[in-house]
Amino acid sequence: MDISQMYIALALIVLAVIALLVFFVRRDARQNRLTPLAGLAFAFVLAGMLFGEDRVVGYGLMGIGMVLALLDTLNRSRQA
């Protein structure tokens, strides 16, 4: 396991811990609910990190995740 794979593994562990904290340590479940679009964006970003060996695929998946997260943010701001 080289150093870049260790960084990817560490980033995935940190993201998993953050996801667990978001899901289990929320006070108001209605306010912090994860929308399906946000979950899909999160999955694309994680897939981009997992498939980071091929830069085009990795960055493409991360880019799709970021666009979906932006769309989710815009949808939530319109509803509020």
Protein backbone atom coordinates (compact mmCIF):
# COMPACT_ATOMS: atom_id res chain seq x y z
CA MET A 1 0.00 0.00 0.00
CA ASP A 2 1.65 3.21 -1.12
CA ILE A 3 1.17 6.65 0.40
CA SER A 4 -1.59 7.79 -1.98
CA GLN A 5 -3.70 4.75 -1.13
CA MET A 6 -3.19 5.48 2.56
CA TYR A 7 -4.45 9.05 2.04
CA ILE A 8 -7.52 7.74 0.22
CA ALA A 9 -8.20 5.22 2.97
CA LEU A 10 -7.82 7.91 5.64
CA ALA A 11 -10.16 10.25 3.75
CA LEU A 12 -12.77 7.50 3.45
CA ILE A 13 -12.55 6.74 7.16
CA VAL A 14 -12.98 10.42 8.02
CA LEU A 15 -15.97 10.72 5.68
CA ALA A 16 -17.54 7.62 7.20
CA VAL A 17 -17.14 9.04 10.71
CA ILE A 18 -18.69 12.34 9.61
CA ALA A 19 -21.59 10.47 7.98
CA LEU A 20 -22.18 8.49 11.17
CA LEU A 21 -22.15 11.68 13.21
CA VAL A 22 -24.64 13.32 10.88
CA PHE A 23 -27.01 10.36 10.99
CA PHE A 24 -26.81 9.50 14.68
CA VAL A 25 -26.06 12.74 16.51
CA ARG A 26 -28.74 15.03 15.22
CA ARG A 27 -31.05 16.88 17.54
CA ASP A 28 -33.87 17.82 15.21
CA ALA A 29 -34.38 15.02 12.70
CA ARG A 30 -36.62 17.15 10.51
CA GLN A 31 -34.10 19.96 10.05
CA ASN A 32 -31.03 17.80 9.34
CA ARG A 33 -32.66 15.20 7.12
CA LEU A 34 -30.48 14.08 4.24
CA THR A 35 -32.36 14.34 0.96
CA PRO A 36 -32.10 11.58 -1.64
CA LEU A 37 -30.29 13.96 -3.99
CA ALA A 38 -27.73 14.81 -1.30
CA GLY A 39 -27.22 11.10 -0.59
CA LEU A 40 -26.65 10.47 -4.27
CA ALA A 41 -24.15 13.34 -4.40
CA PHE A 42 -22.32 11.91 -1.40
CA ALA A 43 -22.20 8.50 -3.09
CA PHE A 44 -20.74 9.98 -6.28
CA VAL A 45 -18.03 11.82 -4.35
CA LEU A 46 -17.12 8.63 -2.49
CA ALA A 47 -17.07 6.67 -5.74
CA GLY A 48 -14.79 9.33 -7.21
CA MET A 49 -12.40 8.84 -4.33
CA LEU A 50 -12.50 5.07 -4.70
CA PHE A 51 -11.87 5.18 -8.45
CA GLY A 52 -9.22 7.89 -8.16
CA GLU A 53 -6.55 5.79 -9.86
CA ASP A 54 -7.98 6.75 -13.24
CA ARG A 55 -8.06 10.54 -13.02
CA VAL A 56 -10.73 11.09 -15.65
CA VAL A 57 -13.15 8.70 -13.97
CA GLY A 58 -12.36 9.85 -10.43
CA TYR A 59 -12.61 13.55 -11.13
CA GLY A 60 -15.68 12.99 -13.30
CA LEU A 61 -17.52 11.19 -10.51
CA MET A 62 -16.50 13.85 -7.99
CA GLY A 63 -17.67 16.56 -10.38
CA ILE A 64 -21.05 14.89 -10.80
CA GLY A 65 -21.35 14.66 -7.02
CA MET A 66 -20.54 18.34 -6.59
CA VAL A 67 -23.10 19.35 -9.23
CA LEU A 68 -25.76 17.22 -7.53
CA ALA A 69 -24.90 18.76 -4.15
CA LEU A 70 -25.23 22.23 -5.67
CA LEU A 71 -28.61 21.33 -7.18
CA ASP A 72 -29.76 19.99 -3.81
CA THR A 73 -28.68 23.22 -2.12
CA LEU A 74 -30.58 25.28 -4.68
CA ASN A 75 -33.71 23.14 -4.25
CA ARG A 76 -33.58 23.51 -0.48
CA SER A 77 -33.10 27.27 -0.67
CA ARG A 78 -36.15 27.61 -2.94
CA GLN A 79 -38.34 25.57 -0.58
CA ALA A 80 -37.39 27.60 2.50
